[in-house]
């Protein structure tokens, strides 16, 4: 019997679940969570059991026993800085992610849930292309603050998967191309790959604002407004990630409503939509300099890429750099499951995290 792989990908207000027989999906579902329901939990880690219940119910609804699984893979979350590819989940990772040392993000729950399911199934749990995967070159790490080194935080999983798909479509190899990818979802990130290697990225704390994240802002204004506000660190982080962006401006994160309201003549919605597109395009332009303008393709992907007018507004601003390919949605479940399958078949080596440096870089070895 061919291998049965379970993939778990938690988002801010959803949990995507996929069961695959080899590379073919048995089912893929997206469980939407009501914001009011999620607000009852004091923090993200406390949502683990609630979301896990949905995963187990999905298996039960499809008459699949946990013991039948050959591998379980979860979204990596805000891990230490890792190499791209797969890692076997272990206690070093668990300690880091449980303490939210890399930050608070729903994707952190993916590996924790995968671990719980795998323990019951008697198989191994993995992560693949975590949010923090990819080691930037030294020149890209330097900031004006000696205490702060830049790290890459981007939607590596979908960005690499979509880039590989585009390369195959064009009869090329991803490793031979220079590609800029803009992943547009509840959070927005951009990255540039040179010959298949991540060279730089723009994350949700220093780039475009998104439906629920504030993005970058002038630091002096930020300090002046919030230094004397008395806000606890936790609440300030929430304003940056979760209650920023469209949520802060409009009180909701429904991009379809923003589109509809803008089309109906609401000037504020129209301005915010265009401002978001403008900032995304500006970040794409900045990443083009990393490869000296030698860009083979620009990919616009993620859920917001389904908004054709919005994607076109971005494409119109950057098409002078390179051909633009709009690839709506994401292939994260497929990418997770495919990576897990290759590992358990021995076609790809997984790594094991052995220790973490003081500045948040993972030290690993091949399993």
Protein backbone atom coordinates (compact mmCIF):
# COMPACT_ATOMS: atom_id res chain seq x y z
CA UNK A 1 0.00 0.00 0.00
CA UNK A 2 1.33 3.48 -0.89
CA UNK A 3 2.20 5.95 1.86
CA UNK A 4 -0.46 7.99 3.65
CA UNK A 5 0.68 11.50 4.64
CA UNK A 6 -1.17 14.03 6.79
CA UNK A 7 -0.32 17.73 6.34
CA UNK A 8 -1.42 20.45 8.77
CA UNK A 9 -1.16 24.16 7.99
CA UNK A 10 -2.68 26.56 10.55
CA UNK A 11 -3.34 30.18 9.59
CA UNK A 12 -4.51 33.12 11.63
CA UNK A 13 -8.21 32.30 11.21
CA UNK A 14 -8.13 28.89 9.53
CA UNK A 15 -6.62 25.43 9.72
CA UNK A 16 -5.87 23.76 6.41
CA UNK A 17 -5.77 19.96 6.54
CA UNK A 18 -4.69 17.63 3.76
CA UNK A 19 -4.45 13.85 3.55
CA UNK A 20 -2.39 12.47 0.67
CA UNK A 21 -1.91 8.97 -0.73
CA UNK A 22 1.57 9.43 -2.15
CA UNK A 23 1.25 12.72 -4.11
CA UNK A 24 -2.49 12.44 -4.70
CA UNK A 25 -4.88 14.19 -2.28
CA UNK A 26 -7.43 12.02 -0.50
CA UNK A 27 -8.96 15.21 0.84
CA UNK A 28 -7.99 18.84 1.41
CA UNK A 29 -10.17 21.02 3.59
CA UNK A 30 -9.93 24.53 4.96
CA UNK A 31 -11.56 24.89 8.37
CA UNK A 32 -12.51 28.55 8.87
CA UNK A 33 -12.46 29.66 12.50
CA UNK A 34 -14.73 32.43 13.73
CA UNK A 35 -12.66 35.34 15.09
CA UNK A 36 -15.00 35.72 18.04
CA UNK A 37 -14.48 32.06 18.90
CA UNK A 38 -10.69 32.39 18.67
CA UNK A 39 -10.76 35.52 20.81
CA UNK A 40 -11.89 33.38 23.76
CA UNK A 41 -8.42 31.84 23.92
CA UNK A 42 -5.86 33.90 25.88
CA UNK A 43 -3.07 33.23 23.37
CA UNK A 44 -2.19 31.17 20.30
CA UNK A 45 -0.65 28.15 22.11
CA UNK A 46 -3.94 27.62 23.97
CA UNK A 47 -5.69 27.09 20.59
CA UNK A 48 -3.72 23.88 19.96
CA UNK A 49 -6.23 21.37 21.36
CA UNK A 50 -9.17 23.21 19.76
CA UNK A 51 -7.60 23.11 16.30
CA UNK A 52 -6.34 19.55 16.79
CA UNK A 53 -9.93 18.49 17.34
CA UNK A 54 -10.76 19.66 13.82
CA UNK A 55 -7.83 17.67 12.41
CA UNK A 56 -8.92 14.46 14.13
CA UNK A 57 -12.54 15.02 13.09
CA UNK A 58 -11.46 15.42 9.44
CA UNK A 59 -9.74 12.02 9.61
CA UNK A 60 -12.76 10.48 11.30
CA UNK A 61 -15.14 11.97 8.72
CA UNK A 62 -13.11 10.26 5.98
CA UNK A 63 -12.92 6.91 7.82
CA UNK A 64 -9.17 7.18 8.34
CA UNK A 65 -7.57 5.88 11.52
CA UNK A 66 -4.61 7.75 12.95
CA UNK A 67 -2.70 4.45 13.08
CA UNK A 68 -2.84 4.26 9.26
CA UNK A 69 -0.63 7.33 8.81
CA UNK A 70 2.93 6.87 7.58
CA UNK A 71 4.04 10.43 8.21
CA UNK A 72 2.73 13.72 9.59
CA UNK A 73 4.03 17.13 8.57
CA UNK A 74 3.14 20.55 9.96
CA UNK A 75 3.82 24.13 8.98
CA UNK A 76 7.11 25.05 10.61
CA UNK A 77 6.18 28.40 12.07
CA UNK A 78 8.61 30.91 13.56
CA UNK A 79 11.44 28.48 14.13
CA UNK A 80 15.10 29.51 14.53
CA UNK A 81 16.80 30.36 11.25
CA UNK A 82 17.02 27.02 9.43
CA UNK A 83 18.11 25.62 6.11
CA UNK A 84 15.35 25.15 3.54
CA UNK A 85 13.88 21.65 3.30
CA UNK A 86 12.67 19.17 5.90
CA UNK A 87 13.39 18.75 9.59
CA UNK A 88 12.34 15.96 11.93
CA UNK A 89 10.46 17.51 14.85
CA UNK A 90 12.22 17.07 18.19
CA UNK A 91 12.35 18.45 21.73
CA UNK A 92 14.76 21.25 20.80
CA UNK A 93 12.20 22.58 18.32
CA UNK A 94 9.34 21.97 20.73
CA UNK A 95 10.99 24.03 23.45
CA UNK A 96 11.64 26.95 21.10
CA UNK A 97 8.22 27.01 19.47
CA UNK A 98 6.27 26.42 22.71
CA UNK A 99 7.98 29.40 24.33
CA UNK A 100 7.32 31.49 21.18
CA UNK A 101 10.97 32.56 21.18
CA UNK A 102 10.73 33.42 17.49
CA UNK A 103 7.44 35.26 17.93
CA UNK A 104 3.75 34.50 18.07
CA UNK A 105 2.18 33.14 14.88
CA UNK A 106 -0.58 30.64 14.12
CA UNK A 107 1.81 28.58 11.98
CA UNK A 108 3.68 27.72 15.20
CA UNK A 109 0.83 25.33 16.00
CA UNK A 110 1.45 23.21 12.89
CA UNK A 111 4.50 21.40 14.19
CA UNK A 112 3.02 20.96 17.68
CA UNK A 113 -0.15 19.37 16.28
CA UNK A 114 1.85 17.21 13.88
CA UNK A 115 3.90 15.95 16.80
CA UNK A 116 0.81 14.98 18.81
CA UNK A 117 -0.78 13.13 15.88
CA UNK A 118 2.48 11.37 14.97
CA UNK A 119 2.97 10.15 18.53
CA UNK A 120 -0.48 8.55 18.45
CA UNK A 121 0.15 7.13 14.97
CA UNK A 122 3.55 5.73 15.85
CA UNK A 123 5.28 7.54 13.00
CA UNK A 124 7.61 10.55 12.67
CA UNK A 125 6.61 14.21 12.58
CA UNK A 126 8.30 16.74 10.29
CA UNK A 127 8.26 20.36 9.29
CA UNK A 128 9.15 21.52 5.79
CA UNK A 129 10.34 24.95 4.60
CA UNK A 130 9.51 26.77 7.80
CA UNK A 131 8.70 30.47 7.81
CA UNK A 132 12.25 31.17 9.03
CA UNK A 133 13.96 28.88 6.51
CA UNK A 134 16.75 30.38 4.45
CA UNK A 135 20.03 31.88 5.62
CA UNK A 136 20.62 35.37 4.28
CA UNK A 137 24.06 36.37 3.03
CA UNK A 138 26.03 38.47 5.53
CA UNK A 139 25.48 41.71 3.61
CA UNK A 140 21.71 41.32 3.92
CA UNK A 141 21.82 40.82 7.70
CA UNK A 142 23.42 44.13 8.65
CA UNK A 143 21.25 46.92 10.11
CA UNK A 144 22.03 50.28 11.69
CA UNK A 145 21.57 48.67 15.09
CA UNK A 146 24.55 46.46 16.06
CA UNK A 147 22.20 44.55 18.37
CA UNK A 148 19.88 43.58 15.51
CA UNK A 149 20.69 41.31 12.58
CA UNK A 150 18.08 40.85 9.89
CA UNK A 151 16.64 37.36 9.49
CA UNK A 152 14.48 36.08 6.69
CA UNK A 153 10.81 35.64 7.55
CA UNK A 154 8.68 34.87 4.54
CA UNK A 155 6.19 32.38 3.13
CA UNK A 156 9.03 30.10 2.02
CA UNK A 157 6.85 27.03 1.58
CA UNK A 158 4.46 28.45 -1.00
CA UNK A 159 7.04 30.73 -2.58
CA UNK A 160 9.44 27.91 -3.41
CA UNK A 161 6.60 25.60 -4.49
CA UNK A 162 5.13 28.18 -6.88
CA UNK A 163 8.56 29.04 -8.25
CA UNK A 164 9.30 25.39 -9.01
CA UNK A 165 5.90 25.04 -10.71
CA UNK A 166 6.54 28.13 -12.87
CA UNK A 167 10.03 26.92 -13.82
CA UNK A 168 8.65 23.54 -14.90
CA UNK A 169 5.88 25.29 -16.87
CA UNK A 170 8.54 27.27 -18.74
CA UNK A 171 10.72 24.22 -19.32
CA UNK A 172 13.41 25.51 -16.97
CA UNK A 173 14.90 24.61 -13.60
CA UNK A 174 14.23 26.75 -10.55
CA UNK A 175 17.96 26.50 -9.80
CA UNK A 176 18.71 28.35 -13.06
CA UNK A 177 16.34 31.28 -12.49
CA UNK A 178 16.20 34.56 -10.57
CA UNK A 179 12.66 34.94 -9.22
CA UNK A 180 10.85 37.47 -7.03
CA UNK A 181 7.74 36.17 -5.26
CA UNK A 182 5.06 38.23 -3.53
CA UNK A 183 2.89 36.06 -1.27
CA UNK A 184 -0.30 37.95 -0.49
CA UNK A 185 -2.51 36.67 2.31
CA UNK A 186 -3.52 37.64 5.84
CA UNK A 187 0.17 38.44 6.11
CA UNK A 188 2.27 39.59 3.17
CA UNK A 189 5.89 38.68 2.49
CA UNK A 190 8.19 38.96 -0.50
CA UNK A 191 11.38 37.11 -1.33
CA UNK A 192 13.99 36.92 -4.06
CA UNK A 193 15.75 33.72 -5.12
CA UNK A 194 18.94 33.76 -7.16
CA UNK A 195 19.61 30.45 -8.89
CA UNK A 196 17.25 28.74 -6.44
CA UNK A 197 18.89 30.23 -3.32
CA UNK A 198 17.06 32.68 -1.07
CA UNK A 199 19.02 35.95 -1.11
CA UNK A 200 16.70 38.39 0.67
CA UNK A 201 13.13 38.93 1.80
CA UNK A 202 10.69 41.54 3.04
CA UNK A 203 8.64 40.37 6.02
CA UNK A 204 5.42 41.54 7.59
CA UNK A 205 7.15 43.77 10.13
CA UNK A 206 9.15 45.85 7.66
CA UNK A 207 7.20 45.69 4.42
CA UNK A 208 3.69 46.28 3.07
CA UNK A 209 0.72 46.35 5.41
CA UNK A 210 -1.79 43.55 4.95
CA UNK A 211 -5.34 42.68 6.02
CA UNK A 212 -4.25 42.15 9.62
CA UNK A 213 -0.63 43.31 9.91
CA UNK A 214 0.72 46.83 10.19
CA UNK A 215 3.87 46.31 8.13
CA UNK A 216 6.71 48.80 8.22
CA UNK A 217 6.28 52.37 9.48
CA UNK A 218 8.54 55.36 10.23
CA UNK A 219 10.43 54.38 13.39
CA UNK A 220 10.48 57.85 14.98
CA UNK A 221 6.69 58.13 14.71
CA UNK A 222 6.34 54.63 16.08
CA UNK A 223 8.50 55.47 19.10
CA UNK A 224 6.76 58.79 19.72
CA UNK A 225 3.27 57.28 19.60
CA UNK A 226 3.83 54.09 21.57
CA UNK A 227 6.72 54.75 23.96
CA UNK A 228 4.54 56.57 26.48
CA UNK A 229 1.35 54.65 25.68
CA UNK A 230 1.76 52.24 28.57
CA UNK A 231 0.77 49.34 26.33
CA UNK A 232 2.13 45.98 27.50
CA UNK A 233 4.58 44.35 25.09
CA UNK A 234 2.01 41.67 24.23
CA UNK A 235 -0.64 44.23 23.26
CA UNK A 236 1.83 46.27 21.24
CA UNK A 237 2.80 43.17 19.28
CA UNK A 238 -0.91 42.53 18.67
CA UNK A 239 -1.25 46.00 17.14
CA UNK A 240 1.57 45.12 14.77
CA UNK A 241 0.45 41.60 13.91
CA UNK A 242 -3.22 40.69 14.19
CA UNK A 243 -4.86 44.07 14.75
CA UNK A 244 -2.96 46.18 12.21
CA UNK A 245 -3.43 46.86 8.51
CA UNK A 246 -6.98 46.78 7.20
CA UNK A 247 -8.22 45.65 10.61
CA UNK A 248 -6.92 48.86 12.17
CA UNK A 249 -8.26 51.08 9.37
CA UNK A 250 -11.61 49.42 8.68
CA UNK A 251 -12.33 47.11 11.62
CA UNK A 252 -12.30 43.94 9.50
CA UNK A 253 -9.96 41.82 7.36
CA UNK A 254 -12.41 40.74 4.64
CA UNK A 255 -10.61 41.70 1.44
CA UNK A 256 -13.61 40.78 -0.68
CA UNK A 257 -15.64 43.37 1.21
CA UNK A 258 -12.88 45.93 0.66
CA UNK A 259 -13.06 45.19 -3.07
CA UNK A 260 -16.84 45.46 -3.13
CA UNK A 261 -16.87 48.66 -1.09
CA UNK A 262 -14.22 50.23 -3.32
CA UNK A 263 -16.18 49.27 -6.45
CA UNK A 264 -19.31 50.82 -4.88
CA UNK A 265 -17.51 54.14 -4.48
CA UNK A 266 -16.12 53.99 -0.94
CA UNK A 267 -13.04 56.21 -1.22
CA UNK A 268 -11.33 54.96 1.94
CA UNK A 269 -11.50 51.31 0.84
CA UNK A 270 -10.28 52.23 -2.64
CA UNK A 271 -7.35 54.20 -1.22
CA UNK A 272 -6.31 51.42 1.16
CA UNK A 273 -6.45 48.79 -1.58
CA UNK A 274 -4.33 50.92 -3.91
CA UNK A 275 -1.92 51.83 -1.09
CA UNK A 276 -1.40 48.15 -0.32
CA UNK A 277 -0.73 47.41 -4.01
CA UNK A 278 1.63 50.38 -4.19
CA UNK A 279 3.67 49.19 -1.19
CA UNK A 280 3.85 45.63 -2.53
CA UNK A 281 5.12 46.90 -5.87
CA UNK A 282 7.67 49.12 -4.10
CA UNK A 283 9.02 46.11 -2.20
CA UNK A 284 9.26 44.08 -5.42
CA UNK A 285 11.30 46.91 -6.92
CA UNK A 286 13.65 46.94 -3.93
CA UNK A 287 14.25 43.18 -4.19
CA UNK A 288 15.11 43.52 -7.88
CA UNK A 289 18.25 45.42 -6.84
CA UNK A 290 19.48 42.36 -4.92
CA UNK A 291 20.10 40.58 -8.23
CA UNK A 292 21.13 43.78 -10.05
CA UNK A 293 17.85 43.85 -11.97
CA UNK A 294 18.49 40.46 -13.57
CA UNK A 295 15.05 39.04 -12.80
CA UNK A 296 13.59 36.21 -14.89
CA UNK A 297 10.09 36.28 -13.42
CA UNK A 298 7.91 37.94 -10.81
CA UNK A 299 5.23 35.78 -9.18
CA UNK A 300 2.16 37.19 -7.45
CA UNK A 301 0.59 34.45 -5.36
CA UNK A 302 -1.46 33.78 -2.23
CA UNK A 303 -5.15 34.24 -1.51
CA UNK A 304 -5.29 37.96 -2.33
CA UNK A 305 -3.94 37.24 -5.82
CA UNK A 306 -7.44 35.99 -6.62
CA UNK A 307 -8.53 39.64 -6.69
CA UNK A 308 -7.77 40.26 -10.37
CA UNK A 309 -7.93 44.05 -10.26
CA UNK A 310 -5.65 44.18 -7.22
CA UNK A 311 -3.10 41.80 -8.77
CA UNK A 312 -3.19 43.80 -12.02
CA UNK A 313 -2.50 47.04 -10.17
CA UNK A 314 0.67 45.48 -8.74
CA UNK A 315 1.67 43.89 -12.05
CA UNK A 316 1.26 47.15 -13.96
CA UNK A 317 3.79 48.84 -11.67
CA UNK A 318 6.49 46.13 -11.87
CA UNK A 319 6.14 44.55 -15.32
CA UNK A 320 9.03 46.73 -16.57
CA UNK A 321 11.34 44.65 -14.34
CA UNK A 322 10.39 41.17 -15.60
CA UNK A 323 7.38 39.19 -16.86
CA UNK A 324 4.72 38.87 -14.16
CA UNK A 325 2.92 35.60 -13.47
CA UNK A 326 -0.21 35.72 -11.31
CA UNK A 327 -0.62 32.35 -9.56
CA UNK A 328 -3.59 32.72 -7.19
CA UNK A 329 -3.93 30.61 -4.06
CA UNK A 330 -1.22 28.46 -2.59
CA UNK A 331 0.14 24.93 -2.80
CA UNK A 332 1.33 24.68 0.78
CA UNK A 333 -0.43 21.44 1.71
CA UNK A 334 0.88 19.75 -1.43
CA UNK A 335 4.39 21.08 -0.76
CA UNK A 336 4.32 19.89 2.86
CA UNK A 337 3.08 16.42 1.95
CA UNK A 338 5.48 16.08 -0.98
CA UNK A 339 8.47 16.95 1.18
CA UNK A 340 7.39 14.51 3.89
CA UNK A 341 6.88 11.73 1.34
CA UNK A 342 10.34 12.21 -0.19
CA UNK A 343 11.91 12.08 3.27
CA UNK A 344 10.22 8.89 4.46
CA UNK A 345 11.06 7.25 1.11
CA UNK A 346 14.70 8.22 1.51
CA UNK A 347 14.67 10.38 -1.62
CA UNK A 348 15.51 13.49 0.41
CA UNK A 349 17.42 13.81 3.66
CA UNK A 350 15.82 15.44 6.67
CA UNK A 351 17.78 17.45 9.19
CA UNK A 352 17.66 17.33 12.98
CA UNK A 353 17.98 20.54 15.01
CA UNK A 354 20.70 19.97 17.63
CA UNK A 355 21.08 23.40 19.18
CA UNK A 356 20.24 27.08 18.73
CA UNK A 357 22.74 29.94 18.91
CA UNK A 358 22.14 33.02 21.06
CA UNK A 359 21.20 35.06 17.99
CA UNK A 360 18.57 32.54 16.88
CA UNK A 361 20.34 30.44 14.27
CA UNK A 362 19.75 26.70 14.21
CA UNK A 363 22.60 24.19 14.28
CA UNK A 364 21.59 20.93 12.63
CA UNK A 365 22.75 17.60 11.29
CA UNK A 366 21.27 15.18 8.75
CA UNK A 367 19.14 12.44 10.27
